[in-house]
Every structure is written in structure tokens, then in C-alpha cells.
Amino acid sequence: MQDIKQMVEKLKANIAKVVVGKENVVELMLCALLCQGHVLVEDVPGVGKTTLVSALARSLDCSYKRIQFTPDITPSDVTGFSMVNMKTGEMEFHQGAVMSQIVLADEINRTSPKTQASLLEVMEEGQVTVDGVTYLMPKPFIVLATQNPLDFVGTYPLPEAQLDRFFMKIAIGYPTSEEESLILERYSSGSKPLETVKPICSAKDVVAMQQMVSQVYSAKEVRAYIAMIAQASRRHNALQLGVSTRGAIFLLHAAQGRALLSGRDYVIPEDVQFMAAPVLAHRILLSPEARMRSMTAERVLTQVIGSVKVPVRMS
């Protein structure tokens, strides 16, 4: 466990060469990586979404591809296509941009729903099927997507099935004045901090850490705590759709991942509370009345968690 904690600290320090502050955001992304989950980063333009994802990708010695989503990208650009070789007369498969260990889906909500749907199979099952032939993704495999808020011009909302494929949804937010001053200092000389980020973790290391997540112990009281949170969300009058069973499972895995990041081999209730909003907020649906009162999914989740008794003793 201590070896993993040391590796995580090295990754955080490496990413910090580019991303100033935002320790919680970096920790969430690393947790998703260990849990073999995909991440959706939503925020306004210019706060460093793409830079953050690129810094993580450069810190890992894995294959990496970036897909810049635009309205004219087709599903075959993403998954690949088969074409006749004019010399041999045989069908040949040409890999799409998604055939990589780390995939940056940049501005994913600027492409059409049809192209968005091309990611459904690969994000759920780690494979793509083209012309009846299935191609497996290399491991580790993770999709790190960025998107602008839906009220921006030229965006297409992600369907519920697509959102559900993302293990967590996070926001970066604006930096503090001190952080912004440091960012300006780094860029004042015309240097490119991203170019200084070198791989410090191999694909084999990542897979080994991913396998350890399932070994983190979760007491029955912690599992009951997560189940009660899910049940309470379904009864909350501000929610039209509460936490699903899949959401509860993902929350448990996220809590195990955070425990591992913290150097522990067991889950505590604080792990569940910390991971609840990133894992569950995009899976619940506010009622029309709650939206009229300008409530947010995060605020409602805080109320839900506050209504559930925290386990004191764990077996």
C-alpha cells in the first residue's frame, strides 16, 4: 500500500508541473484511473481541462491519442473502418482514433449524437465491433473527455446512456488569485510547462494498481451505508430519478480507490462521502420544481448524505 501511495505522490508532483493547485481534481482523476473508470471534465473554456488531461496522459508510459470532436467527425473516424486493399483484393481494418490506452475525447459535446454513440461499446466493454469483427482495447484503457457547459453555442447534450458510461464527472473551477499569479509566472517566459512532463509510471504499473483496488476491504456497515444513501435519494422530493444500483456499485469502487490512494487497505465512511458527488451527481435527475428553485444535484446529494446515519463501528 505504501508503494502505491508513493507512486501516486510522484504522479501528483509530475502533474503539478503543469496544473497549479486543484489537488482534489487530480486525486479524483487518479482514483478513476485505478478504478478503470472513464472521466468527464465539464467546465467553461480556458480553465485547463485539456491541459489537465494531457498532463495525466504524459505522466503515464502508455499509448495516447486525442480526438478533437467537431460536428463533421463520423463514427468511423472514432472506431475505425474496413476497406478493400486494391492490391490484394482483401478487406483491411484501419484503426480509429479510439484504439489507444489513453484517449482524450476533447469537447465531446460538440459532435453529433450519432458520433457520441460510437463510444458506447468501447467505454462499456473495452472493445469495438466493425463489420462484425470485434477488436479489444489495450490495457489499461481510459477515456478522458472534456466538454463545455450545455448552454454554450454549438453543443449537443450527452444522452443518459452516454453519461452513465462515465465513472465520474468533475469540474475544475477558476484558480485562486495566488494560483493564477503562479500560472502567469510560469508562462511569462514563453515556456511550455506541458513539455516538461515525462512518463513516470508504466502501463504494467497501472494495471497492477488497478488489480489492487478490489482487494481493499469494505465492511458490511460501509456497504449498508452506501445502500442507505441510494435508498434515501430515491425518496428525496427534489429528485425525479435517484441513485441507481449501478451508481451505488460505482460509489463503492470509488471509495475503495480513494482508500488505496490514501495508503489504506480498508474503506472508511469519509471515502464514501468524498466520492459521492463526482460519482453520483450526473446520474440523478432533479425534479422540475427543484430546477425552478435553482437547486443543484450536488446540493441535493449533500442533503441526502446528511439524512443518513454514518456508521460508527465497522466489522
C-alpha atoms as a PDB file:
ATOM      1  CA  MET A   1       0.000   0.000   0.000  1.00  0.00           C
ATOM      2  CA  GLN A   2       2.821   2.418   0.815  1.00  0.00           C
ATOM      3  CA  ASP A   3       4.427   1.716  -2.579  1.00  0.00           C
ATOM      4  CA  ILE A   4       1.203   2.742  -4.279  1.00  0.00           C
ATOM      5  CA  LYS A   5       0.938   5.876  -2.160  1.00  0.00           C
ATOM      6  CA  GLN A   6       4.490   6.831  -3.161  1.00  0.00           C
ATOM      7  CA  MET A   7       3.703   6.254  -6.831  1.00  0.00           C
ATOM      8  CA  VAL A   8       0.574   8.391  -6.541  1.00  0.00           C
ATOM      9  CA  GLU A   9       2.546  11.201  -4.899  1.00  0.00           C
ATOM     10  CA  LYS A  10       5.035  11.099  -7.776  1.00  0.00           C
ATOM     11  CA  LEU A  11       2.178  11.320 -10.276  1.00  0.00           C
ATOM     12  CA  LYS A  12       0.662  14.271  -8.420  1.00  0.00           C
ATOM     13  CA  ALA A  13       4.017  16.072  -8.354  1.00  0.00           C
ATOM     14  CA  ASN A  14       4.511  15.422 -12.053  1.00  0.00           C
ATOM     15  CA  ILE A  15       1.084  16.807 -12.946  1.00  0.00           C
ATOM     16  CA  ALA A  16       1.693  19.792 -10.635  1.00  0.00           C
ATOM     17  CA  LYS A  17       4.446  20.914 -13.020  1.00  0.00           C
ATOM     18  CA  VAL A  18       1.625  21.998 -15.314  1.00  0.00           C
ATOM     19  CA  VAL A  19      -1.536  22.207 -13.204  1.00  0.00           C
ATOM     20  CA  VAL A  20      -1.330  24.665 -10.316  1.00  0.00           C
ATOM     21  CA  GLY A  21      -3.447  23.724  -7.309  1.00  0.00           C
ATOM     22  CA  LYS A  22      -6.512  21.553  -7.988  1.00  0.00           C
ATOM     23  CA  GLU A  23      -5.180  18.710  -5.815  1.00  0.00           C
ATOM     24  CA  ASN A  24      -8.685  17.330  -5.295  1.00  0.00           C
ATOM     25  CA  VAL A  25      -9.353  17.255  -9.041  1.00  0.00           C
ATOM     26  CA  VAL A  26      -6.076  15.426  -9.715  1.00  0.00           C
ATOM     27  CA  GLU A  27      -6.853  12.943  -6.948  1.00  0.00           C
ATOM     28  CA  LEU A  28     -10.272  12.247  -8.463  1.00  0.00           C
ATOM     29  CA  MET A  29      -8.778  11.553 -11.875  1.00  0.00           C
ATOM     30  CA  LEU A  30      -6.168   9.218 -10.405  1.00  0.00           C
ATOM     31  CA  CYS A  31      -8.915   7.427  -8.473  1.00  0.00           C
ATOM     32  CA  ALA A  32     -10.878   6.907 -11.698  1.00  0.00           C
ATOM     33  CA  LEU A  33      -7.735   5.575 -13.381  1.00  0.00           C
ATOM     34  CA  LEU A  34      -7.223   2.993 -10.616  1.00  0.00           C
ATOM     35  CA  CYS A  35     -10.909   2.033 -10.742  1.00  0.00           C
ATOM     36  CA  GLN A  36     -10.760   1.544 -14.542  1.00  0.00           C
ATOM     37  CA  GLY A  37     -13.373   4.251 -14.956  1.00  0.00           C
ATOM     38  CA  HIS A  38     -13.800   6.998 -17.527  1.00  0.00           C
ATOM     39  CA  VAL A  39     -13.888  10.684 -16.610  1.00  0.00           C
ATOM     40  CA  LEU A  40     -15.943  13.586 -17.939  1.00  0.00           C
ATOM     41  CA  VAL A  41     -14.480  17.023 -17.182  1.00  0.00           C
ATOM     42  CA  GLU A  42     -17.050  19.793 -17.661  1.00  0.00           C
ATOM     43  CA  ASP A  43     -16.213  23.472 -17.269  1.00  0.00           C
ATOM     44  CA  VAL A  44     -16.053  26.766 -19.101  1.00  0.00           C
ATOM     45  CA  PRO A  45     -13.362  27.262 -21.773  1.00  0.00           C
ATOM     46  CA  GLY A  46      -9.898  28.289 -20.673  1.00  0.00           C
ATOM     47  CA  VAL A  47      -9.646  26.794 -17.181  1.00  0.00           C
ATOM     48  CA  GLY A  48      -7.263  23.987 -18.163  1.00  0.00           C
ATOM     49  CA  LYS A  49      -9.441  20.959 -18.918  1.00  0.00           C
ATOM     50  CA  THR A  50      -7.374  19.739 -21.847  1.00  0.00           C
ATOM     51  CA  THR A  51      -4.107  20.649 -20.120  1.00  0.00           C
ATOM     52  CA  LEU A  52      -5.019  18.596 -17.062  1.00  0.00           C
ATOM     53  CA  VAL A  53      -5.920  15.531 -19.122  1.00  0.00           C
ATOM     54  CA  SER A  54      -2.787  15.887 -21.277  1.00  0.00           C
ATOM     55  CA  ALA A  55      -0.594  16.163 -18.169  1.00  0.00           C
ATOM     56  CA  LEU A  56      -2.022  12.920 -16.788  1.00  0.00           C
ATOM     57  CA  ALA A  57      -1.565  11.169 -20.135  1.00  0.00           C
ATOM     58  CA  ARG A  58       2.053  12.338 -20.423  1.00  0.00           C
ATOM     59  CA  SER A  59       2.757  11.052 -16.891  1.00  0.00           C
ATOM     60  CA  LEU A  60       1.929   7.507 -17.960  1.00  0.00           C
ATOM     61  CA  ASP A  61       4.056   5.457 -20.337  1.00  0.00           C
ATOM     62  CA  CYS A  62       1.000   4.421 -22.359  1.00  0.00           C
ATOM     63  CA  SER A  63      -0.199   4.960 -25.906  1.00  0.00           C
ATOM     64  CA  TYR A  64      -2.164   8.200 -26.167  1.00  0.00           C
ATOM     65  CA  LYS A  65      -4.467   9.695 -28.789  1.00  0.00           C
ATOM     66  CA  ARG A  66      -6.507  12.873 -28.852  1.00  0.00           C
ATOM     67  CA  ILE A  67      -9.817  13.123 -30.694  1.00  0.00           C
ATOM     68  CA  GLN A  68     -10.886  16.719 -31.345  1.00  0.00           C
ATOM     69  CA  PHE A  69     -14.643  16.350 -31.651  1.00  0.00           C
ATOM     70  CA  THR A  70     -16.339  18.576 -34.213  1.00  0.00           C
ATOM     71  CA  PRO A  71     -19.755  18.369 -35.944  1.00  0.00           C
ATOM     72  CA  ASP A  72     -18.242  16.741 -39.041  1.00  0.00           C
ATOM     73  CA  ILE A  73     -16.496  13.802 -37.309  1.00  0.00           C
ATOM     74  CA  THR A  74     -18.079  10.459 -38.202  1.00  0.00           C
ATOM     75  CA  PRO A  75     -18.358   7.263 -36.105  1.00  0.00           C
ATOM     76  CA  SER A  76     -15.833   5.504 -38.357  1.00  0.00           C
ATOM     77  CA  ASP A  77     -13.260   8.195 -37.518  1.00  0.00           C
ATOM     78  CA  VAL A  78     -13.583   7.077 -33.908  1.00  0.00           C
ATOM     79  CA  THR A  79     -13.923   3.290 -34.116  1.00  0.00           C
ATOM     80  CA  GLY A  80     -12.176   2.575 -37.422  1.00  0.00           C
ATOM     81  CA  PHE A  81     -13.359   1.122 -40.721  1.00  0.00           C
ATOM     82  CA  SER A  82     -12.736  -1.738 -43.155  1.00  0.00           C
ATOM     83  CA  MET A  83     -11.701  -1.067 -46.741  1.00  0.00           C
ATOM     84  CA  VAL A  84     -10.708  -3.231 -49.705  1.00  0.00           C
ATOM     85  CA  ASN A  85      -6.973  -3.376 -50.406  1.00  0.00           C
ATOM     86  CA  MET A  86      -6.805  -2.754 -54.155  1.00  0.00           C
ATOM     87  CA  LYS A  87      -3.589  -4.799 -54.460  1.00  0.00           C
ATOM     88  CA  THR A  88      -4.678  -7.934 -52.608  1.00  0.00           C
ATOM     89  CA  GLY A  89      -8.448  -7.666 -53.008  1.00  0.00           C
ATOM     90  CA  GLU A  90      -8.895  -8.379 -49.269  1.00  0.00           C
ATOM     91  CA  MET A  91     -10.655  -6.323 -46.628  1.00  0.00           C
ATOM     92  CA  GLU A  92      -8.293  -4.476 -44.302  1.00  0.00           C
ATOM     93  CA  PHE A  93      -9.163  -2.858 -40.987  1.00  0.00           C
ATOM     94  CA  HIS A  94      -7.969   0.704 -40.430  1.00  0.00           C
ATOM     95  CA  GLN A  95      -7.825   1.619 -36.764  1.00  0.00           C
ATOM     96  CA  GLY A  96      -9.858   4.530 -35.475  1.00  0.00           C
ATOM     97  CA  ALA A  97      -8.626   7.183 -33.074  1.00  0.00           C
ATOM     98  CA  VAL A  98     -10.063   5.316 -30.081  1.00  0.00           C
ATOM     99  CA  MET A  99      -7.591   2.431 -30.464  1.00  0.00           C
ATOM    100  CA  SER A 100      -5.242   3.560 -27.713  1.00  0.00           C
ATOM    101  CA  GLN A 101      -4.690   3.096 -23.984  1.00  0.00           C
ATOM    102  CA  ILE A 102      -5.451   6.703 -23.087  1.00  0.00           C
ATOM    103  CA  VAL A 103      -7.982   8.588 -25.200  1.00  0.00           C
ATOM    104  CA  LEU A 104      -8.660  12.302 -24.841  1.00  0.00           C
ATOM    105  CA  ALA A 105     -12.145  12.996 -26.205  1.00  0.00           C
ATOM    106  CA  ASP A 106     -11.803  16.757 -26.426  1.00  0.00           C
ATOM    107  CA  GLU A 107     -15.046  18.782 -26.453  1.00  0.00           C
ATOM    108  CA  ILE A 108     -17.105  15.623 -26.769  1.00  0.00           C
ATOM    109  CA  ASN A 109     -20.402  17.513 -26.774  1.00  0.00           C
ATOM    110  CA  ARG A 110     -19.517  19.428 -29.949  1.00  0.00           C
ATOM    111  CA  THR A 111     -20.128  16.385 -32.135  1.00  0.00           C
ATOM    112  CA  SER A 112     -23.410  14.803 -33.194  1.00  0.00           C
ATOM    113  CA  PRO A 113     -25.286  12.272 -31.027  1.00  0.00           C
ATOM    114  CA  LYS A 114     -24.570   9.610 -33.668  1.00  0.00           C
ATOM    115  CA  THR A 115     -20.816  10.058 -33.253  1.00  0.00           C
ATOM    116  CA  GLN A 116     -21.139  10.254 -29.476  1.00  0.00           C
ATOM    117  CA  ALA A 117     -22.882   6.867 -29.592  1.00  0.00           C
ATOM    118  CA  SER A 118     -19.829   5.318 -31.267  1.00  0.00           C
ATOM    119  CA  LEU A 119     -18.129   5.407 -27.857  1.00  0.00           C
ATOM    120  CA  LEU A 120     -20.828   3.426 -26.047  1.00  0.00           C
ATOM    121  CA  GLU A 121     -19.465  -0.069 -26.711  1.00  0.00           C
ATOM    122  CA  VAL A 122     -15.809   0.742 -26.191  1.00  0.00           C
ATOM    123  CA  MET A 123     -16.427   2.570 -22.904  1.00  0.00           C
ATOM    124  CA  GLU A 124     -18.633  -0.196 -21.517  1.00  0.00           C
ATOM    125  CA  GLU A 125     -16.858  -3.317 -22.766  1.00  0.00           C
ATOM    126  CA  GLY A 126     -13.365  -2.186 -23.776  1.00  0.00           C
ATOM    127  CA  GLN A 127     -13.836  -3.264 -27.388  1.00  0.00           C
ATOM    128  CA  VAL A 128     -15.077  -2.035 -30.755  1.00  0.00           C
ATOM    129  CA  THR A 129     -17.009  -4.023 -33.333  1.00  0.00           C
ATOM    130  CA  VAL A 130     -16.571  -3.088 -37.001  1.00  0.00           C
ATOM    131  CA  ASP A 131     -18.272  -5.089 -39.764  1.00  0.00           C
ATOM    132  CA  GLY A 132     -18.973  -7.925 -37.330  1.00  0.00           C
ATOM    133  CA  VAL A 133     -15.371  -8.216 -36.140  1.00  0.00           C
ATOM    134  CA  THR A 134     -14.513  -7.352 -32.529  1.00  0.00           C
ATOM    135  CA  TYR A 135     -11.249  -5.646 -31.604  1.00  0.00           C
ATOM    136  CA  LEU A 136     -10.147  -5.481 -27.966  1.00  0.00           C
ATOM    137  CA  MET A 137      -8.642  -2.341 -26.454  1.00  0.00           C
ATOM    138  CA  PRO A 138      -5.171  -2.478 -24.883  1.00  0.00           C
ATOM    139  CA  LYS A 139      -4.934  -2.265 -21.106  1.00  0.00           C
ATOM    140  CA  PRO A 140      -5.107  -0.004 -19.252  1.00  0.00           C
ATOM    141  CA  PHE A 141      -7.840   1.748 -21.204  1.00  0.00           C
ATOM    142  CA  ILE A 142      -9.444   5.029 -20.148  1.00  0.00           C
ATOM    143  CA  VAL A 143     -11.431   7.741 -21.893  1.00  0.00           C
ATOM    144  CA  LEU A 144     -10.858  11.240 -20.522  1.00  0.00           C
ATOM    145  CA  ALA A 145     -13.464  13.546 -22.053  1.00  0.00           C
ATOM    146  CA  THR A 146     -13.884  17.295 -21.812  1.00  0.00           C
ATOM    147  CA  GLN A 147     -16.965  19.328 -22.560  1.00  0.00           C
ATOM    148  CA  ASN A 148     -18.257  22.870 -22.253  1.00  0.00           C
ATOM    149  CA  PRO A 149     -21.475  23.620 -20.337  1.00  0.00           C
ATOM    150  CA  LEU A 150     -24.606  22.811 -22.327  1.00  0.00           C
ATOM    151  CA  ASP A 151     -25.755  26.432 -22.589  1.00  0.00           C
ATOM    152  CA  PHE A 152     -22.780  27.218 -24.840  1.00  0.00           C
ATOM    153  CA  VAL A 153     -23.418  27.621 -28.586  1.00  0.00           C
ATOM    154  CA  GLY A 154     -22.801  24.550 -30.745  1.00  0.00           C
ATOM    155  CA  THR A 155     -23.095  21.873 -28.065  1.00  0.00           C
ATOM    156  CA  TYR A 156     -25.110  18.654 -28.130  1.00  0.00           C
ATOM    157  CA  PRO A 157     -26.243  17.229 -24.773  1.00  0.00           C
ATOM    158  CA  LEU A 158     -24.880  13.782 -23.987  1.00  0.00           C
ATOM    159  CA  PRO A 159     -27.679  11.176 -23.742  1.00  0.00           C
ATOM    160  CA  GLU A 160     -28.245   9.440 -20.413  1.00  0.00           C
ATOM    161  CA  ALA A 161     -26.720   6.191 -21.712  1.00  0.00           C
ATOM    162  CA  GLN A 162     -23.527   8.046 -22.618  1.00  0.00           C
ATOM    163  CA  LEU A 163     -23.348   9.905 -19.307  1.00  0.00           C
ATOM    164  CA  ASP A 164     -23.786   6.638 -17.441  1.00  0.00           C
ATOM    165  CA  ARG A 165     -20.610   5.277 -19.082  1.00  0.00           C
ATOM    166  CA  PHE A 166     -18.558   7.882 -17.236  1.00  0.00           C
ATOM    167  CA  PHE A 167     -17.351   6.720 -13.861  1.00  0.00           C
ATOM    168  CA  MET A 168     -17.327  10.302 -12.613  1.00  0.00           C
ATOM    169  CA  LYS A 169     -17.952  13.848 -13.752  1.00  0.00           C
ATOM    170  CA  ILE A 170     -15.796  16.625 -12.350  1.00  0.00           C
ATOM    171  CA  ALA A 171     -15.284  20.370 -12.719  1.00  0.00           C
ATOM    172  CA  ILE A 172     -12.001  22.250 -12.414  1.00  0.00           C
ATOM    173  CA  GLY A 173     -13.155  25.740 -11.489  1.00  0.00           C
ATOM    174  CA  TYR A 174     -11.261  29.005 -11.648  1.00  0.00           C
ATOM    175  CA  PRO A 175      -7.906  29.268  -9.836  1.00  0.00           C
ATOM    176  CA  THR A 176      -7.387  31.466  -6.794  1.00  0.00           C
ATOM    177  CA  SER A 177      -5.538  34.762  -7.262  1.00  0.00           C
ATOM    178  CA  GLU A 178      -2.346  33.210  -5.868  1.00  0.00           C
ATOM    179  CA  GLU A 179      -2.621  30.209  -8.187  1.00  0.00           C
ATOM    180  CA  GLU A 180      -3.325  32.430 -11.176  1.00  0.00           C
ATOM    181  CA  SER A 181      -0.287  34.573 -10.401  1.00  0.00           C
ATOM    182  CA  LEU A 182       1.880  31.452 -10.353  1.00  0.00           C
ATOM    183  CA  ILE A 183       0.388  30.305 -13.662  1.00  0.00           C
ATOM    184  CA  LEU A 184       1.188  33.672 -15.230  1.00  0.00           C
ATOM    185  CA  GLU A 185       4.737  33.472 -13.890  1.00  0.00           C
ATOM    186  CA  ARG A 186       5.246  30.060 -15.488  1.00  0.00           C
ATOM    187  CA  TYR A 187       4.032  31.256 -18.870  1.00  0.00           C
ATOM    188  CA  SER A 188       5.643  34.716 -18.793  1.00  0.00           C
ATOM    189  CA  SER A 189       8.909  33.468 -20.330  1.00  0.00           C
ATOM    190  CA  GLY A 190       7.188  31.779 -23.251  1.00  0.00           C
ATOM    191  CA  SER A 191       7.963  28.301 -21.925  1.00  0.00           C
ATOM    192  CA  LYS A 192       5.605  25.352 -22.345  1.00  0.00           C
ATOM    193  CA  PRO A 193       5.299  23.527 -18.999  1.00  0.00           C
ATOM    194  CA  LEU A 194       3.486  20.583 -20.599  1.00  0.00           C
ATOM    195  CA  GLU A 195       6.649  19.664 -22.487  1.00  0.00           C
ATOM    196  CA  THR A 196       8.485  19.136 -19.191  1.00  0.00           C
ATOM    197  CA  VAL A 197       6.148  16.309 -18.125  1.00  0.00           C
ATOM    198  CA  LYS A 198       7.785  12.907 -18.651  1.00  0.00           C
ATOM    199  CA  PRO A 199       6.354   9.394 -18.051  1.00  0.00           C
ATOM    200  CA  ILE A 200       6.994   8.086 -14.559  1.00  0.00           C
ATOM    201  CA  CYS A 201       4.537   5.177 -14.458  1.00  0.00           C
ATOM    202  CA  SER A 202       4.373   2.268 -16.900  1.00  0.00           C
ATOM    203  CA  ALA A 203       1.274   0.541 -18.231  1.00  0.00           C
ATOM    204  CA  LYS A 204       2.254  -2.528 -16.195  1.00  0.00           C
ATOM    205  CA  ASP A 205       2.345  -0.407 -13.016  1.00  0.00           C
ATOM    206  CA  VAL A 206      -1.119   0.994 -13.730  1.00  0.00           C
ATOM    207  CA  VAL A 207      -2.627  -2.458 -14.341  1.00  0.00           C
ATOM    208  CA  ALA A 208      -1.053  -3.748 -11.114  1.00  0.00           C
ATOM    209  CA  MET A 209      -2.551  -0.866  -9.106  1.00  0.00           C
ATOM    210  CA  GLN A 210      -5.943  -1.403 -10.756  1.00  0.00           C
ATOM    211  CA  GLN A 211      -5.930  -5.031  -9.654  1.00  0.00           C
ATOM    212  CA  MET A 212      -5.332  -3.975  -6.045  1.00  0.00           C
ATOM    213  CA  VAL A 213      -8.492  -1.864  -5.830  1.00  0.00           C
ATOM    214  CA  SER A 214     -10.720  -4.930  -5.478  1.00  0.00           C
ATOM    215  CA  GLN A 215      -8.539  -6.123  -2.587  1.00  0.00           C
ATOM    216  CA  VAL A 216      -9.398  -3.072  -0.475  1.00  0.00           C
ATOM    217  CA  TYR A 217     -11.685  -4.228   2.336  1.00  0.00           C
ATOM    218  CA  SER A 218     -15.166  -2.748   2.707  1.00  0.00           C
ATOM    219  CA  ALA A 219     -17.015  -3.604   5.897  1.00  0.00           C
ATOM    220  CA  LYS A 220     -20.668  -4.615   5.712  1.00  0.00           C
ATOM    221  CA  GLU A 221     -21.521  -1.395   7.587  1.00  0.00           C
ATOM    222  CA  VAL A 222     -19.922   0.670   4.815  1.00  0.00           C
ATOM    223  CA  ARG A 223     -21.810  -1.266   2.157  1.00  0.00           C
ATOM    224  CA  ALA A 224     -25.041  -0.756   4.105  1.00  0.00           C
ATOM    225  CA  TYR A 225     -24.203   2.968   4.353  1.00  0.00           C
ATOM    226  CA  ILE A 226     -23.939   3.221   0.553  1.00  0.00           C
ATOM    227  CA  ALA A 227     -27.180   1.279   0.118  1.00  0.00           C
ATOM    228  CA  MET A 228     -28.997   3.634   2.506  1.00  0.00           C
ATOM    229  CA  ILE A 229     -27.688   6.664   0.575  1.00  0.00           C
ATOM    230  CA  ALA A 230     -29.082   5.163  -2.625  1.00  0.00           C
ATOM    231  CA  GLN A 231     -32.421   4.416  -0.956  1.00  0.00           C
ATOM    232  CA  ALA A 232     -32.642   7.912   0.554  1.00  0.00           C
ATOM    233  CA  SER A 233     -32.008   9.523  -2.843  1.00  0.00           C
ATOM    234  CA  ARG A 234     -34.976   7.669  -4.336  1.00  0.00           C
ATOM    235  CA  ARG A 235     -37.259   9.084  -1.640  1.00  0.00           C
ATOM    236  CA  HIS A 236     -35.997  12.696  -1.800  1.00  0.00           C
ATOM    237  CA  ASN A 237     -38.716  15.032  -3.073  1.00  0.00           C
ATOM    238  CA  ALA A 238     -36.221  17.124  -5.079  1.00  0.00           C
ATOM    239  CA  LEU A 239     -35.226  14.158  -7.230  1.00  0.00           C
ATOM    240  CA  GLN A 240     -37.176  12.748 -10.119  1.00  0.00           C
ATOM    241  CA  LEU A 241     -34.611   9.969 -10.533  1.00  0.00           C
ATOM    242  CA  GLY A 242     -32.476   8.734  -7.637  1.00  0.00           C
ATOM    243  CA  VAL A 243     -29.247   6.776  -7.484  1.00  0.00           C
ATOM    244  CA  SER A 244     -29.327   3.528  -9.435  1.00  0.00           C
ATOM    245  CA  THR A 245     -27.842   0.241  -8.275  1.00  0.00           C
ATOM    246  CA  ARG A 246     -25.030   0.715 -10.797  1.00  0.00           C
ATOM    247  CA  GLY A 247     -24.351   4.115  -9.266  1.00  0.00           C
ATOM    248  CA  ALA A 248     -24.113   2.527  -5.811  1.00  0.00           C
ATOM    249  CA  ILE A 249     -21.661  -0.078  -7.128  1.00  0.00           C
ATOM    250  CA  PHE A 250     -19.517   2.634  -8.706  1.00  0.00           C
ATOM    251  CA  LEU A 251     -19.563   4.596  -5.451  1.00  0.00           C
ATOM    252  CA  LEU A 252     -18.251   1.556  -3.581  1.00  0.00           C
ATOM    253  CA  HIS A 253     -15.456   1.081  -6.129  1.00  0.00           C
ATOM    254  CA  ALA A 254     -14.607   4.793  -5.955  1.00  0.00           C
ATOM    255  CA  ALA A 255     -14.389   4.606  -2.154  1.00  0.00           C
ATOM    256  CA  GLN A 256     -12.059   1.610  -2.474  1.00  0.00           C
ATOM    257  CA  GLY A 257      -9.937   3.555  -4.948  1.00  0.00           C
ATOM    258  CA  ARG A 258      -9.661   6.569  -2.657  1.00  0.00           C
ATOM    259  CA  ALA A 259      -8.692   4.336   0.248  1.00  0.00           C
ATOM    260  CA  LEU A 260      -5.922   2.857  -1.891  1.00  0.00           C
ATOM    261  CA  LEU A 261      -4.737   6.326  -2.886  1.00  0.00           C
ATOM    262  CA  SER A 262      -4.575   7.200   0.811  1.00  0.00           C
ATOM    263  CA  GLY A 263      -2.423   4.173   1.594  1.00  0.00           C
ATOM    264  CA  ARG A 264      -5.175   2.211   3.347  1.00  0.00           C
ATOM    265  CA  ASP A 265      -6.431  -1.307   2.655  1.00  0.00           C
ATOM    266  CA  TYR A 266      -9.908  -0.604   4.053  1.00  0.00           C
ATOM    267  CA  VAL A 267     -12.727   1.850   3.308  1.00  0.00           C
ATOM    268  CA  ILE A 268     -13.983   4.423   5.805  1.00  0.00           C
ATOM    269  CA  PRO A 269     -17.235   6.458   5.583  1.00  0.00           C
ATOM    270  CA  GLU A 270     -15.237   9.587   4.698  1.00  0.00           C
ATOM    271  CA  ASP A 271     -14.153   7.880   1.464  1.00  0.00           C
ATOM    272  CA  VAL A 272     -17.805   7.386   0.528  1.00  0.00           C
ATOM    273  CA  GLN A 273     -18.706  10.987   1.352  1.00  0.00           C
ATOM    274  CA  PHE A 274     -15.757  12.406  -0.613  1.00  0.00           C
ATOM    275  CA  MET A 275     -16.561  10.403  -3.745  1.00  0.00           C
ATOM    276  CA  ALA A 276     -20.364  10.741  -3.667  1.00  0.00           C
ATOM    277  CA  ALA A 277     -20.769  13.948  -5.697  1.00  0.00           C
ATOM    278  CA  PRO A 278     -18.299  13.157  -8.515  1.00  0.00           C
ATOM    279  CA  VAL A 279     -19.696   9.639  -8.947  1.00  0.00           C
ATOM    280  CA  LEU A 280     -23.412  10.243  -8.427  1.00  0.00           C
ATOM    281  CA  ALA A 281     -24.281  13.845  -9.381  1.00  0.00           C
ATOM    282  CA  HIS A 282     -24.522  13.167 -13.140  1.00  0.00           C
ATOM    283  CA  ARG A 283     -26.615  10.023 -12.547  1.00  0.00           C
ATOM    284  CA  ILE A 284     -29.525  11.651 -10.725  1.00  0.00           C
ATOM    285  CA  LEU A 285     -32.264  13.819 -12.190  1.00  0.00           C
ATOM    286  CA  LEU A 286     -33.713  16.849 -10.428  1.00  0.00           C
ATOM    287  CA  SER A 287     -37.464  17.330 -10.343  1.00  0.00           C
ATOM    288  CA  PRO A 288     -38.919  20.287 -12.307  1.00  0.00           C
ATOM    289  CA  GLU A 289     -39.712  22.073  -9.026  1.00  0.00           C
ATOM    290  CA  ALA A 290     -36.107  21.691  -7.830  1.00  0.00           C
ATOM    291  CA  ARG A 291     -34.778  23.099 -11.110  1.00  0.00           C
ATOM    292  CA  MET A 292     -37.132  26.067 -10.793  1.00  0.00           C
ATOM    293  CA  ARG A 293     -35.664  26.734  -7.334  1.00  0.00           C
ATOM    294  CA  SER A 294     -32.159  26.644  -8.898  1.00  0.00           C
ATOM    295  CA  MET A 295     -31.104  23.659  -6.845  1.00  0.00           C
ATOM    296  CA  THR A 296     -28.138  21.583  -7.982  1.00  0.00           C
ATOM    297  CA  ALA A 297     -27.511  17.853  -7.917  1.00  0.00           C
ATOM    298  CA  GLU A 298     -24.551  18.401  -5.597  1.00  0.00           C
ATOM    299  CA  ARG A 299     -26.669  20.312  -3.065  1.00  0.00           C
ATOM    300  CA  VAL A 300     -29.341  17.635  -3.092  1.00  0.00           C
ATOM    301  CA  LEU A 301     -26.739  14.899  -2.594  1.00  0.00           C
ATOM    302  CA  THR A 302     -25.385  16.795   0.400  1.00  0.00           C
ATOM    303  CA  GLN A 303     -28.892  16.775   1.889  1.00  0.00           C
ATOM    304  CA  VAL A 304     -29.302  13.076   1.120  1.00  0.00           C
ATOM    305  CA  ILE A 305     -25.995  12.113   2.730  1.00  0.00           C
ATOM    306  CA  GLY A 306     -26.779  14.316   5.723  1.00  0.00           C
ATOM    307  CA  SER A 307     -30.007  12.414   6.292  1.00  0.00           C
ATOM    308  CA  VAL A 308     -28.255   9.033   6.511  1.00  0.00           C
ATOM    309  CA  LYS A 309     -26.675   7.883   9.751  1.00  0.00           C
ATOM    310  CA  VAL A 310     -22.918   7.437   9.468  1.00  0.00           C
ATOM    311  CA  PRO A 311     -21.668   4.042  10.744  1.00  0.00           C
ATOM    312  CA  VAL A 312     -19.535   4.372  13.853  1.00  0.00           C
ATOM    313  CA  ARG A 313     -18.340   0.795  14.260  1.00  0.00           C
ATOM    314  CA  MET A 314     -17.220  -1.420  11.447  1.00  0.00           C
ATOM    315  CA  SER A 315     -16.604  -5.148  11.478  1.00  0.00           C
END
